[in-house]
Amino acid sequence: MSDVTEAYKKEVISYYEKAHIALTDAEIANIDYADFGLDNIREEALNLVVYVNNDRYCAKEMVLLPNQTCPEHLHPSIDGKAGKQETFRCRWGKVYLYVESNEKLDLGKIQVAPPEGNSQYYTASKEIALEPGQQYTIKPDTRHWFKAGPEGAVISEFSSPSDDASDIFTDPKVKRIARDKVLQA
């Protein structure tokens, strides 16, 4: 992880406050400021609190700062066990979610663009714009990425168990955890 400044941490926490998400001191201390090893935290990152992640289910609270993007990835099926299915529910701001489809990504047809210089690693093209109170469920083995609008966004995630080690990212530079995997676009 790149160096996360105290100012950056305070900014992320302020978004939880804007969304009226009450966090304990322990949860605040354990916020994951994931920069995916890209050293581009203002553009490609995800800030999250994991409430619970066990063998049955997972619940997280995520913050994207203004125009911040979570890189494209998927949650694969492994050894006959379905990959993670997740429901995103927008709590505050606006988030643009992109899931794979039969269409090629056309930057002229979507409302927000992938991070400049890395657009080749963003291929999922079906756009779902979520505002507070709206939600969308992503099926297992579905390539997806998401980006906050210009005001930022707070998103709740409810899913089957989360296993970062099995996530497959399109960008070969992504380093989420020690055992990296790369999805060929």
N, C-alpha and C. Protein backbone atom coordinates (compact mmCIF):
# COMPACT_ATOMS: atom_id res chain seq x y z
N MET A 1 0.85 -1.19 0.00
CA MET A 1 0.00 0.00 0.00
C MET A 1 0.88 1.23 0.00
N SER A 2 0.49 2.21 -0.79
CA SER A 2 1.25 3.46 -0.79
C SER A 2 1.03 4.16 0.54
N ASP A 3 1.81 5.19 0.76
CA ASP A 3 1.66 5.94 2.00
C ASP A 3 0.32 6.66 2.01
N VAL A 4 -0.50 6.34 2.98
CA VAL A 4 -1.79 6.99 3.15
C VAL A 4 -1.61 8.05 4.22
N THR A 5 -1.85 9.30 3.86
CA THR A 5 -1.64 10.40 4.80
C THR A 5 -2.79 10.49 5.80
N GLU A 6 -2.53 11.16 6.89
CA GLU A 6 -3.59 11.40 7.88
C GLU A 6 -4.72 12.23 7.27
N ALA A 7 -4.39 13.16 6.39
CA ALA A 7 -5.41 13.97 5.73
C ALA A 7 -6.31 13.09 4.86
N TYR A 8 -5.72 12.13 4.17
CA TYR A 8 -6.50 11.21 3.34
C TYR A 8 -7.44 10.39 4.23
N LYS A 9 -6.91 9.85 5.33
CA LYS A 9 -7.73 9.07 6.24
C LYS A 9 -8.91 9.89 6.78
N LYS A 10 -8.65 11.13 7.18
CA LYS A 10 -9.72 12.00 7.69
C LYS A 10 -10.78 12.25 6.62
N GLU A 11 -10.33 12.42 5.38
CA GLU A 11 -11.28 12.65 4.28
C GLU A 11 -12.19 11.43 4.10
N VAL A 12 -11.61 10.24 4.11
CA VAL A 12 -12.41 9.02 3.97
C VAL A 12 -13.41 8.92 5.12
N ILE A 13 -12.98 9.12 6.33
CA ILE A 13 -13.86 9.04 7.50
C ILE A 13 -15.00 10.05 7.39
N SER A 14 -14.72 11.23 6.83
CA SER A 14 -15.76 12.26 6.69
C SER A 14 -16.90 11.78 5.79
N TYR A 15 -16.61 10.89 4.84
CA TYR A 15 -17.67 10.36 3.97
C TYR A 15 -18.58 9.40 4.73
N TYR A 16 -18.01 8.60 5.61
CA TYR A 16 -18.87 7.75 6.45
C TYR A 16 -19.78 8.66 7.28
N GLU A 17 -19.23 9.74 7.80
CA GLU A 17 -20.03 10.68 8.60
C GLU A 17 -21.12 11.33 7.76
N LYS A 18 -20.80 11.75 6.52
CA LYS A 18 -21.81 12.35 5.63
C LYS A 18 -22.98 11.40 5.39
N ALA A 19 -22.67 10.11 5.32
CA ALA A 19 -23.71 9.11 5.08
C ALA A 19 -24.39 8.66 6.37
N HIS A 20 -23.99 9.25 7.50
CA HIS A 20 -24.53 8.89 8.82
C HIS A 20 -24.29 7.42 9.15
N ILE A 21 -23.11 6.93 8.75
CA ILE A 21 -22.69 5.57 9.08
C ILE A 21 -21.90 5.64 10.38
N ALA A 22 -22.43 5.06 11.43
CA ALA A 22 -21.77 5.07 12.73
C ALA A 22 -20.75 3.94 12.78
N LEU A 23 -19.50 4.29 13.03
CA LEU A 23 -18.42 3.30 13.13
C LEU A 23 -17.81 3.37 14.52
N THR A 24 -17.39 2.22 15.01
CA THR A 24 -16.70 2.18 16.30
C THR A 24 -15.26 2.63 16.10
N ASP A 25 -14.58 2.94 17.20
CA ASP A 25 -13.17 3.32 17.11
C ASP A 25 -12.35 2.19 16.50
N ALA A 26 -12.69 0.95 16.83
CA ALA A 26 -11.97 -0.21 16.28
C ALA A 26 -12.18 -0.31 14.76
N GLU A 27 -13.40 -0.06 14.30
CA GLU A 27 -13.66 -0.10 12.87
C GLU A 27 -12.90 1.00 12.14
N ILE A 28 -12.88 2.18 12.71
CA ILE A 28 -12.13 3.29 12.12
C ILE A 28 -10.65 2.96 12.04
N ALA A 29 -10.12 2.37 13.09
CA ALA A 29 -8.70 2.00 13.11
C ALA A 29 -8.37 0.92 12.09
N ASN A 30 -9.38 0.14 11.69
CA ASN A 30 -9.14 -0.96 10.76
C ASN A 30 -9.65 -0.71 9.35
N ILE A 31 -9.92 0.56 9.00
CA ILE A 31 -10.31 0.85 7.62
C ILE A 31 -9.20 0.39 6.69
N ASP A 32 -9.59 -0.32 5.65
CA ASP A 32 -8.64 -0.78 4.63
C ASP A 32 -8.60 0.28 3.53
N TYR A 33 -7.46 0.95 3.41
CA TYR A 33 -7.24 1.95 2.37
C TYR A 33 -6.51 1.24 1.23
N ALA A 34 -7.27 0.55 0.39
CA ALA A 34 -6.69 -0.31 -0.65
C ALA A 34 -6.34 0.50 -1.89
N ASP A 35 -5.05 0.56 -2.18
CA ASP A 35 -4.62 1.25 -3.41
C ASP A 35 -4.25 0.26 -4.50
N PHE A 36 -4.39 -1.03 -4.23
CA PHE A 36 -4.18 -2.10 -5.20
C PHE A 36 -2.77 -2.12 -5.76
N GLY A 37 -1.82 -1.54 -5.03
CA GLY A 37 -0.44 -1.52 -5.47
C GLY A 37 -0.20 -0.63 -6.67
N LEU A 38 -1.16 0.21 -7.02
CA LEU A 38 -1.05 1.04 -8.22
C LEU A 38 -0.42 2.40 -7.95
N ASP A 39 -0.28 2.73 -6.66
CA ASP A 39 0.33 4.01 -6.27
C ASP A 39 -0.37 5.19 -6.96
N ASN A 40 -1.68 5.10 -7.01
CA ASN A 40 -2.51 6.10 -7.67
C ASN A 40 -3.80 6.24 -6.88
N ILE A 41 -3.65 6.40 -5.55
CA ILE A 41 -4.77 6.27 -4.63
C ILE A 41 -5.90 7.27 -4.87
N ARG A 42 -5.63 8.41 -5.43
CA ARG A 42 -6.69 9.39 -5.70
C ARG A 42 -7.58 8.97 -6.86
N GLU A 43 -7.05 8.13 -7.75
CA GLU A 43 -7.84 7.69 -8.90
C GLU A 43 -8.32 6.25 -8.81
N GLU A 44 -7.43 5.34 -8.39
CA GLU A 44 -7.78 3.92 -8.34
C GLU A 44 -7.53 3.39 -6.94
N ALA A 45 -8.63 3.21 -6.21
CA ALA A 45 -8.53 2.75 -4.83
C ALA A 45 -9.92 2.40 -4.32
N LEU A 46 -9.96 1.85 -3.13
CA LEU A 46 -11.21 1.55 -2.45
C LEU A 46 -10.94 1.59 -0.95
N ASN A 47 -11.80 2.25 -0.24
CA ASN A 47 -11.65 2.40 1.21
C ASN A 47 -12.82 1.65 1.85
N LEU A 48 -12.51 0.69 2.75
CA LEU A 48 -13.60 -0.13 3.23
C LEU A 48 -13.45 -0.59 4.67
N VAL A 49 -14.60 -0.81 5.27
CA VAL A 49 -14.72 -1.39 6.60
C VAL A 49 -15.43 -2.73 6.41
N VAL A 50 -14.86 -3.77 6.96
CA VAL A 50 -15.49 -5.09 6.90
C VAL A 50 -16.17 -5.32 8.25
N TYR A 51 -17.49 -5.41 8.24
CA TYR A 51 -18.23 -5.67 9.47
C TYR A 51 -18.13 -7.13 9.86
N VAL A 52 -18.34 -7.99 8.87
CA VAL A 52 -18.30 -9.44 9.11
C VAL A 52 -17.93 -10.13 7.80
N ASN A 53 -17.13 -11.17 7.91
CA ASN A 53 -16.79 -12.00 6.76
C ASN A 53 -16.51 -13.40 7.31
N ASN A 54 -17.49 -14.27 7.16
CA ASN A 54 -17.32 -15.64 7.66
C ASN A 54 -17.64 -16.63 6.55
N ASP A 55 -17.80 -17.88 6.88
CA ASP A 55 -18.01 -18.89 5.85
C ASP A 55 -19.42 -18.87 5.25
N ARG A 56 -20.29 -17.97 5.73
CA ARG A 56 -21.66 -17.90 5.22
C ARG A 56 -21.99 -16.60 4.52
N TYR A 57 -21.46 -15.47 5.03
CA TYR A 57 -21.80 -14.18 4.43
C TYR A 57 -20.77 -13.13 4.79
N CYS A 58 -20.90 -11.97 4.11
CA CYS A 58 -19.98 -10.86 4.32
C CYS A 58 -20.76 -9.54 4.22
N ALA A 59 -20.37 -8.57 5.03
CA ALA A 59 -20.96 -7.23 4.96
C ALA A 59 -19.84 -6.20 5.09
N LYS A 60 -19.85 -5.22 4.19
CA LYS A 60 -18.82 -4.19 4.16
C LYS A 60 -19.46 -2.83 3.93
N GLU A 61 -18.73 -1.80 4.31
CA GLU A 61 -19.11 -0.42 4.03
C GLU A 61 -17.95 0.19 3.27
N MET A 62 -18.21 0.69 2.05
CA MET A 62 -17.13 1.18 1.20
C MET A 62 -17.29 2.67 0.90
N VAL A 63 -16.14 3.35 0.81
CA VAL A 63 -16.11 4.75 0.42
C VAL A 63 -15.25 4.89 -0.83
N LEU A 64 -15.78 5.62 -1.79
CA LEU A 64 -15.01 6.07 -2.94
C LEU A 64 -14.99 7.59 -2.87
N LEU A 65 -13.82 8.18 -2.88
CA LEU A 65 -13.71 9.63 -2.91
C LEU A 65 -14.14 10.12 -4.29
N PRO A 66 -14.32 11.41 -4.49
CA PRO A 66 -14.78 11.91 -5.78
C PRO A 66 -13.97 11.35 -6.95
N ASN A 67 -14.71 10.76 -7.90
CA ASN A 67 -14.14 10.20 -9.13
C ASN A 67 -13.16 9.06 -8.92
N GLN A 68 -13.11 8.48 -7.74
CA GLN A 68 -12.23 7.35 -7.45
C GLN A 68 -12.85 6.08 -8.04
N THR A 69 -12.00 5.18 -8.52
CA THR A 69 -12.44 3.97 -9.21
C THR A 69 -11.87 2.73 -8.55
N CYS A 70 -12.70 1.72 -8.37
CA CYS A 70 -12.23 0.40 -7.96
C CYS A 70 -11.94 -0.36 -9.24
N PRO A 71 -10.70 -0.85 -9.41
CA PRO A 71 -10.31 -1.51 -10.66
C PRO A 71 -11.18 -2.72 -11.02
N GLU A 72 -11.24 -2.98 -12.32
CA GLU A 72 -12.03 -4.10 -12.83
C GLU A 72 -11.50 -5.44 -12.32
N HIS A 73 -12.44 -6.27 -11.90
CA HIS A 73 -12.09 -7.59 -11.37
C HIS A 73 -13.31 -8.51 -11.43
N LEU A 74 -13.09 -9.76 -11.06
CA LEU A 74 -14.20 -10.69 -10.89
C LEU A 74 -13.90 -11.62 -9.73
N HIS A 75 -14.96 -12.26 -9.25
CA HIS A 75 -14.88 -13.20 -8.14
C HIS A 75 -15.19 -14.58 -8.72
N PRO A 76 -14.15 -15.37 -9.01
CA PRO A 76 -14.35 -16.62 -9.75
C PRO A 76 -14.88 -17.79 -8.91
N SER A 77 -15.48 -18.72 -9.61
CA SER A 77 -15.85 -19.99 -8.99
C SER A 77 -14.57 -20.79 -8.83
N ILE A 78 -14.45 -21.51 -7.70
CA ILE A 78 -13.24 -22.29 -7.42
C ILE A 78 -13.65 -23.68 -6.95
N ASP A 79 -13.08 -24.69 -7.56
CA ASP A 79 -13.32 -26.08 -7.17
C ASP A 79 -14.80 -26.40 -7.06
N GLY A 80 -15.59 -25.93 -8.01
CA GLY A 80 -17.02 -26.22 -8.03
C GLY A 80 -17.86 -25.36 -7.11
N LYS A 81 -17.21 -24.48 -6.34
CA LYS A 81 -17.94 -23.58 -5.44
C LYS A 81 -18.11 -22.23 -6.13
N ALA A 82 -19.34 -21.75 -6.19
CA ALA A 82 -19.63 -20.48 -6.86
C ALA A 82 -18.81 -19.34 -6.27
N GLY A 83 -18.39 -18.45 -7.13
CA GLY A 83 -17.67 -17.26 -6.68
C GLY A 83 -18.59 -16.33 -5.90
N LYS A 84 -18.03 -15.26 -5.40
CA LYS A 84 -18.79 -14.32 -4.57
C LYS A 84 -19.89 -13.64 -5.38
N GLN A 85 -21.08 -13.64 -4.82
CA GLN A 85 -22.19 -12.84 -5.34
C GLN A 85 -22.33 -11.67 -4.39
N GLU A 86 -22.47 -10.46 -4.94
CA GLU A 86 -22.53 -9.29 -4.06
C GLU A 86 -23.61 -8.32 -4.50
N THR A 87 -24.23 -7.71 -3.50
CA THR A 87 -25.21 -6.67 -3.74
C THR A 87 -24.62 -5.35 -3.25
N PHE A 88 -24.58 -4.38 -4.15
CA PHE A 88 -24.14 -3.03 -3.80
C PHE A 88 -25.37 -2.17 -3.58
N ARG A 89 -25.39 -1.46 -2.46
CA ARG A 89 -26.48 -0.52 -2.17
C ARG A 89 -25.86 0.84 -1.92
N CYS A 90 -26.22 1.81 -2.74
CA CYS A 90 -25.69 3.16 -2.57
C CYS A 90 -26.32 3.80 -1.34
N ARG A 91 -25.49 4.34 -0.47
CA ARG A 91 -25.96 5.00 0.75
C ARG A 91 -25.89 6.52 0.64
N TRP A 92 -24.88 7.00 -0.09
CA TRP A 92 -24.68 8.45 -0.21
C TRP A 92 -23.92 8.72 -1.50
N GLY A 93 -24.22 9.83 -2.16
CA GLY A 93 -23.53 10.19 -3.39
C GLY A 93 -24.09 9.41 -4.57
N LYS A 94 -23.24 9.16 -5.54
CA LYS A 94 -23.63 8.41 -6.73
C LYS A 94 -22.47 7.53 -7.14
N VAL A 95 -22.80 6.29 -7.48
CA VAL A 95 -21.77 5.35 -7.93
C VAL A 95 -22.21 4.77 -9.28
N TYR A 96 -21.23 4.68 -10.17
CA TYR A 96 -21.45 4.11 -11.49
C TYR A 96 -20.81 2.72 -11.49
N LEU A 97 -21.64 1.70 -11.67
CA LEU A 97 -21.19 0.32 -11.67
C LEU A 97 -21.22 -0.19 -13.11
N TYR A 98 -20.16 -0.88 -13.49
CA TYR A 98 -20.07 -1.44 -14.84
C TYR A 98 -19.88 -2.94 -14.73
N VAL A 99 -20.75 -3.69 -15.38
CA VAL A 99 -20.66 -5.15 -15.38
C VAL A 99 -20.50 -5.62 -16.82
N GLU A 100 -19.87 -6.78 -16.97
CA GLU A 100 -19.61 -7.27 -18.31
C GLU A 100 -20.90 -7.56 -19.05
N SER A 101 -20.84 -7.38 -20.36
CA SER A 101 -21.96 -7.66 -21.25
C SER A 101 -21.37 -8.07 -22.59
N ASN A 102 -22.25 -8.30 -23.55
CA ASN A 102 -21.79 -8.66 -24.89
C ASN A 102 -21.29 -7.46 -25.68
N GLU A 103 -21.53 -6.28 -25.17
CA GLU A 103 -21.12 -5.05 -25.84
C GLU A 103 -19.68 -4.70 -25.47
N LYS A 104 -18.97 -4.11 -26.41
CA LYS A 104 -17.62 -3.60 -26.14
C LYS A 104 -17.77 -2.25 -25.43
N LEU A 105 -16.90 -1.96 -24.49
CA LEU A 105 -16.96 -0.69 -23.77
C LEU A 105 -16.75 0.45 -24.75
N ASP A 106 -17.72 1.36 -24.80
CA ASP A 106 -17.66 2.53 -25.67
C ASP A 106 -17.64 3.75 -24.77
N LEU A 107 -16.46 4.39 -24.67
CA LEU A 107 -16.32 5.54 -23.76
C LEU A 107 -17.27 6.67 -24.09
N GLY A 108 -17.75 6.73 -25.32
CA GLY A 108 -18.70 7.77 -25.71
C GLY A 108 -20.12 7.52 -25.22
N LYS A 109 -20.37 6.30 -24.73
CA LYS A 109 -21.73 5.94 -24.31
C LYS A 109 -21.89 5.80 -22.81
N ILE A 110 -20.82 6.01 -22.04
CA ILE A 110 -20.94 5.88 -20.59
C ILE A 110 -20.78 7.25 -19.93
N GLN A 111 -21.29 7.35 -18.70
CA GLN A 111 -21.32 8.65 -18.03
C GLN A 111 -19.99 9.05 -17.39
N VAL A 112 -19.18 8.08 -17.01
CA VAL A 112 -17.86 8.38 -16.44
C VAL A 112 -16.82 7.53 -17.16
N ALA A 113 -15.61 8.00 -17.20
CA ALA A 113 -14.55 7.28 -17.90
C ALA A 113 -13.65 6.54 -16.92
N PRO A 114 -13.04 5.46 -17.38
CA PRO A 114 -12.03 4.79 -16.55
C PRO A 114 -10.85 5.74 -16.31
N PRO A 115 -10.01 5.44 -15.35
CA PRO A 115 -8.85 6.30 -15.09
C PRO A 115 -7.98 6.45 -16.35
N GLU A 116 -7.58 7.68 -16.59
CA GLU A 116 -6.77 7.99 -17.77
C GLU A 116 -5.47 7.19 -17.74
N GLY A 117 -5.11 6.65 -18.87
CA GLY A 117 -3.89 5.87 -18.97
C GLY A 117 -4.06 4.40 -18.67
N ASN A 118 -5.20 4.01 -18.09
CA ASN A 118 -5.44 2.61 -17.76
C ASN A 118 -6.73 2.08 -18.36
N SER A 119 -7.31 2.79 -19.31
CA SER A 119 -8.62 2.39 -19.85
C SER A 119 -8.60 1.01 -20.49
N GLN A 120 -7.45 0.53 -20.93
CA GLN A 120 -7.38 -0.80 -21.53
C GLN A 120 -7.72 -1.91 -20.53
N TYR A 121 -7.66 -1.60 -19.24
CA TYR A 121 -7.95 -2.59 -18.20
C TYR A 121 -9.39 -2.50 -17.70
N TYR A 122 -10.21 -1.74 -18.40
CA TYR A 122 -11.61 -1.56 -18.04
C TYR A 122 -12.45 -1.96 -19.26
N THR A 123 -13.06 -3.14 -19.20
CA THR A 123 -13.77 -3.67 -20.35
C THR A 123 -15.26 -3.87 -20.10
N ALA A 124 -15.67 -4.02 -18.84
CA ALA A 124 -17.09 -4.22 -18.53
C ALA A 124 -17.86 -2.98 -18.98
N SER A 125 -18.97 -3.19 -19.69
CA SER A 125 -19.59 -2.05 -20.38
C SER A 125 -21.03 -1.74 -19.99
N LYS A 126 -21.72 -2.64 -19.33
CA LYS A 126 -23.11 -2.35 -18.96
C LYS A 126 -23.11 -1.41 -17.76
N GLU A 127 -23.67 -0.23 -17.94
CA GLU A 127 -23.63 0.80 -16.90
C GLU A 127 -24.89 0.78 -16.05
N ILE A 128 -24.67 0.79 -14.74
CA ILE A 128 -25.76 0.89 -13.77
C ILE A 128 -25.41 2.06 -12.85
N ALA A 129 -26.20 3.12 -12.90
CA ALA A 129 -25.96 4.28 -12.04
C ALA A 129 -26.82 4.13 -10.80
N LEU A 130 -26.17 4.15 -9.63
CA LEU A 130 -26.88 3.97 -8.36
C LEU A 130 -26.85 5.25 -7.54
N GLU A 131 -28.01 5.66 -7.09
CA GLU A 131 -28.15 6.79 -6.18
C GLU A 131 -28.61 6.24 -4.84
N PRO A 132 -28.59 7.06 -3.78
CA PRO A 132 -28.97 6.56 -2.46
C PRO A 132 -30.29 5.79 -2.47
N GLY A 133 -30.24 4.60 -1.86
CA GLY A 133 -31.42 3.73 -1.77
C GLY A 133 -31.54 2.75 -2.92
N GLN A 134 -30.71 2.89 -3.94
CA GLN A 134 -30.77 1.95 -5.07
C GLN A 134 -29.69 0.89 -4.90
N GLN A 135 -29.98 -0.30 -5.43
CA GLN A 135 -29.01 -1.39 -5.30
C GLN A 135 -29.00 -2.25 -6.54
N TYR A 136 -27.92 -3.03 -6.66
CA TYR A 136 -27.75 -3.93 -7.80
C TYR A 136 -26.95 -5.14 -7.32
N THR A 137 -27.35 -6.33 -7.80
CA THR A 137 -26.65 -7.56 -7.42
C THR A 137 -25.79 -8.04 -8.59
N ILE A 138 -24.52 -8.30 -8.28
CA ILE A 138 -23.55 -8.78 -9.26
C ILE A 138 -23.41 -10.29 -9.07
N LYS A 139 -23.62 -11.03 -10.12
CA LYS A 139 -23.52 -12.49 -10.06
C LYS A 139 -22.05 -12.92 -10.01
N PRO A 140 -21.78 -14.12 -9.49
CA PRO A 140 -20.41 -14.64 -9.47
C PRO A 140 -19.83 -14.69 -10.89
N ASP A 141 -18.51 -14.65 -10.98
CA ASP A 141 -17.81 -14.77 -12.26
C ASP A 141 -18.15 -13.65 -13.24
N THR A 142 -18.55 -12.50 -12.72
CA THR A 142 -18.90 -11.36 -13.57
C THR A 142 -17.86 -10.26 -13.41
N ARG A 143 -17.22 -9.95 -14.51
CA ARG A 143 -16.23 -8.86 -14.52
C ARG A 143 -16.96 -7.55 -14.22
N HIS A 144 -16.41 -6.74 -13.31
CA HIS A 144 -17.05 -5.47 -12.96
C HIS A 144 -16.03 -4.47 -12.41
N TRP A 145 -16.42 -3.20 -12.49
CA TRP A 145 -15.66 -2.10 -11.89
C TRP A 145 -16.66 -1.03 -11.51
N PHE A 146 -16.25 -0.13 -10.63
CA PHE A 146 -17.17 0.92 -10.22
C PHE A 146 -16.41 2.19 -9.89
N LYS A 147 -17.11 3.31 -10.08
CA LYS A 147 -16.50 4.63 -9.92
C LYS A 147 -17.50 5.58 -9.28
N ALA A 148 -17.00 6.40 -8.36
CA ALA A 148 -17.83 7.41 -7.72
C ALA A 148 -18.06 8.58 -8.67
N GLY A 149 -19.17 9.24 -8.44
CA GLY A 149 -19.43 10.49 -9.15
C GLY A 149 -18.56 11.60 -8.57
N PRO A 150 -18.77 12.82 -9.02
CA PRO A 150 -17.92 13.94 -8.60
C PRO A 150 -18.02 14.32 -7.12
N GLU A 151 -19.05 13.83 -6.41
CA GLU A 151 -19.18 14.12 -4.98
C GLU A 151 -18.67 12.98 -4.11
N GLY A 152 -18.28 11.85 -4.72
CA GLY A 152 -17.89 10.67 -3.97
C GLY A 152 -19.10 9.79 -3.73
N ALA A 153 -18.88 8.66 -3.04
CA ALA A 153 -19.98 7.74 -2.79
C ALA A 153 -19.67 6.86 -1.58
N VAL A 154 -20.74 6.45 -0.91
CA VAL A 154 -20.66 5.45 0.15
C VAL A 154 -21.57 4.31 -0.27
N ILE A 155 -21.03 3.09 -0.26
CA ILE A 155 -21.75 1.93 -0.75
C ILE A 155 -21.68 0.82 0.28
N SER A 156 -22.83 0.21 0.57
CA SER A 156 -22.85 -0.99 1.40
C SER A 156 -22.74 -2.19 0.48
N GLU A 157 -21.98 -3.19 0.92
CA GLU A 157 -21.89 -4.44 0.17
C GLU A 157 -22.36 -5.57 1.06
N PHE A 158 -23.28 -6.37 0.53
CA PHE A 158 -23.76 -7.57 1.19
C PHE A 158 -23.46 -8.71 0.23
N SER A 159 -22.74 -9.73 0.71
CA SER A 159 -22.31 -10.76 -0.24
C SER A 159 -22.15 -12.12 0.42
N SER A 160 -21.91 -13.09 -0.45
CA SER A 160 -21.43 -14.38 0.03
C SER A 160 -20.00 -14.14 0.52
N PRO A 161 -19.35 -15.11 1.14
CA PRO A 161 -18.02 -14.87 1.72
C PRO A 161 -17.05 -14.22 0.74
N SER A 162 -16.24 -13.32 1.28
CA SER A 162 -15.27 -12.57 0.49
C SER A 162 -13.90 -13.20 0.67
N ASP A 163 -13.23 -13.45 -0.44
CA ASP A 163 -11.90 -14.04 -0.42
C ASP A 163 -11.01 -13.26 -1.38
N ASP A 164 -10.36 -12.21 -0.87
CA ASP A 164 -9.53 -11.35 -1.72
C ASP A 164 -8.48 -12.14 -2.48
N ALA A 165 -8.01 -13.24 -1.92
CA ALA A 165 -6.96 -14.03 -2.57
C ALA A 165 -7.41 -14.61 -3.89
N SER A 166 -8.70 -14.82 -4.07
CA SER A 166 -9.17 -15.43 -5.31
C SER A 166 -9.64 -14.41 -6.34
N ASP A 167 -9.74 -13.14 -5.97
CA ASP A 167 -10.17 -12.12 -6.93
C ASP A 167 -9.20 -12.05 -8.09
N ILE A 168 -9.74 -11.89 -9.29
CA ILE A 168 -8.92 -11.79 -10.50
C ILE A 168 -9.11 -10.40 -11.08
N PHE A 169 -8.02 -9.66 -11.21
CA PHE A 169 -8.04 -8.31 -11.74
C PHE A 169 -7.59 -8.30 -13.20
N THR A 170 -8.18 -7.40 -13.99
CA THR A 170 -7.81 -7.27 -15.40
C THR A 170 -6.43 -6.65 -15.54
N ASP A 171 -6.11 -5.67 -14.72
CA ASP A 171 -4.82 -4.97 -14.78
C ASP A 171 -3.74 -5.84 -14.14
N PRO A 172 -2.72 -6.22 -14.89
CA PRO A 172 -1.67 -7.08 -14.32
C PRO A 172 -0.84 -6.40 -13.24
N LYS A 173 -0.95 -5.08 -13.10
CA LYS A 173 -0.18 -4.37 -12.07
C LYS A 173 -0.85 -4.40 -10.70
N VAL A 174 -2.12 -4.79 -10.66
CA VAL A 174 -2.84 -4.79 -9.39
C VAL A 174 -2.23 -5.80 -8.43
N LYS A 175 -2.03 -5.34 -7.19
CA LYS A 175 -1.55 -6.20 -6.11
C LYS A 175 -2.47 -5.98 -4.92
N ARG A 176 -3.49 -6.81 -4.82
CA ARG A 176 -4.43 -6.67 -3.69
C ARG A 176 -3.89 -7.38 -2.47
N ILE A 177 -3.34 -8.57 -2.67
CA ILE A 177 -2.72 -9.33 -1.60
C ILE A 177 -1.54 -10.09 -2.19
N ALA A 178 -0.87 -10.87 -1.39
CA ALA A 178 0.36 -11.53 -1.83
C ALA A 178 0.17 -12.42 -3.04
N ARG A 179 -0.91 -13.18 -3.11
CA ARG A 179 -1.11 -14.10 -4.23
C ARG A 179 -1.94 -13.41 -5.30
N ASP A 180 -1.25 -12.76 -6.26
CA ASP A 180 -1.93 -12.01 -7.30
C ASP A 180 -2.39 -12.91 -8.43
N LYS A 181 -3.51 -12.54 -9.02
CA LYS A 181 -4.01 -13.19 -10.20
C LYS A 181 -4.36 -12.10 -11.19
N VAL A 182 -4.28 -12.41 -12.46
CA VAL A 182 -4.57 -11.42 -13.49
C VAL A 182 -5.57 -12.01 -14.48
N LEU A 183 -6.57 -11.23 -14.83
CA LEU A 183 -7.57 -11.62 -15.80
C LEU A 183 -7.16 -11.08 -17.15
N GLN A 184 -7.12 -11.91 -18.15
CA GLN A 184 -6.79 -11.46 -19.49
C GLN A 184 -8.03 -10.84 -20.12
N ALA A 185 -7.90 -9.60 -20.55
CA ALA A 185 -9.04 -8.87 -21.15
C ALA A 185 -9.35 -9.41 -22.54
